[in-house]
Protein backbone atom coordinates (compact mmCIF):
# COMPACT_ATOMS: atom_id res chain seq x y z
CA UNK A 1 -13.85 233.37 -153.25
CA UNK A 2 -17.29 233.62 -151.79
CA UNK A 3 -16.62 230.03 -150.04
CA UNK A 4 -13.62 231.55 -148.42
CA UNK A 5 -15.01 234.70 -147.02
CA UNK A 6 -17.46 232.87 -145.32
CA UNK A 7 -14.62 230.82 -143.84
CA UNK A 8 -12.23 233.01 -142.53
CA UNK A 9 -15.37 235.37 -140.88
CA UNK A 10 -16.21 232.52 -138.67
CA UNK A 11 -12.57 231.54 -137.44
CA UNK A 12 -12.07 235.19 -136.76
CA UNK A 13 -15.20 235.77 -134.98
CA UNK A 14 -13.53 232.74 -132.76
CA UNK A 15 -10.32 233.81 -132.05
CA UNK A 16 -11.81 237.20 -130.90
CA UNK A 17 -14.48 235.73 -128.31
CA UNK A 18 -12.48 232.85 -126.50
CA UNK A 19 -15.28 232.56 -124.41
CA UNK A 20 -17.62 231.53 -127.17
CA UNK A 21 -14.94 228.52 -127.64
CA UNK A 22 -15.18 227.55 -124.20
CA UNK A 23 -19.06 227.44 -124.33
CA UNK A 24 -19.27 225.56 -127.79
CA UNK A 25 -16.80 222.74 -126.42
CA UNK A 26 -17.98 222.26 -122.73
CA UNK A 27 -21.57 221.59 -124.19
CA UNK A 28 -19.76 218.84 -126.57
CA UNK A 29 -17.88 217.48 -123.86
CA UNK A 30 -21.75 217.50 -122.05
CA UNK A 31 -23.33 215.94 -125.50
CA UNK A 32 -20.59 213.30 -125.34
CA UNK A 33 -20.57 212.78 -122.16
CA UNK A 34 -24.42 211.48 -122.03
CA UNK A 35 -23.74 209.42 -125.58
CA UNK A 36 -20.49 207.81 -123.37
CA UNK A 37 -23.84 207.08 -120.14
């Protein structure tokens, strides 16, 4: 029960803040770009 609540919390927060998702994606792309180069 505890683990389910922990997973649901962040997921809901991400859905409410699409800007956070965008920032995470941009950061991930930047990191991947450095690895490719």
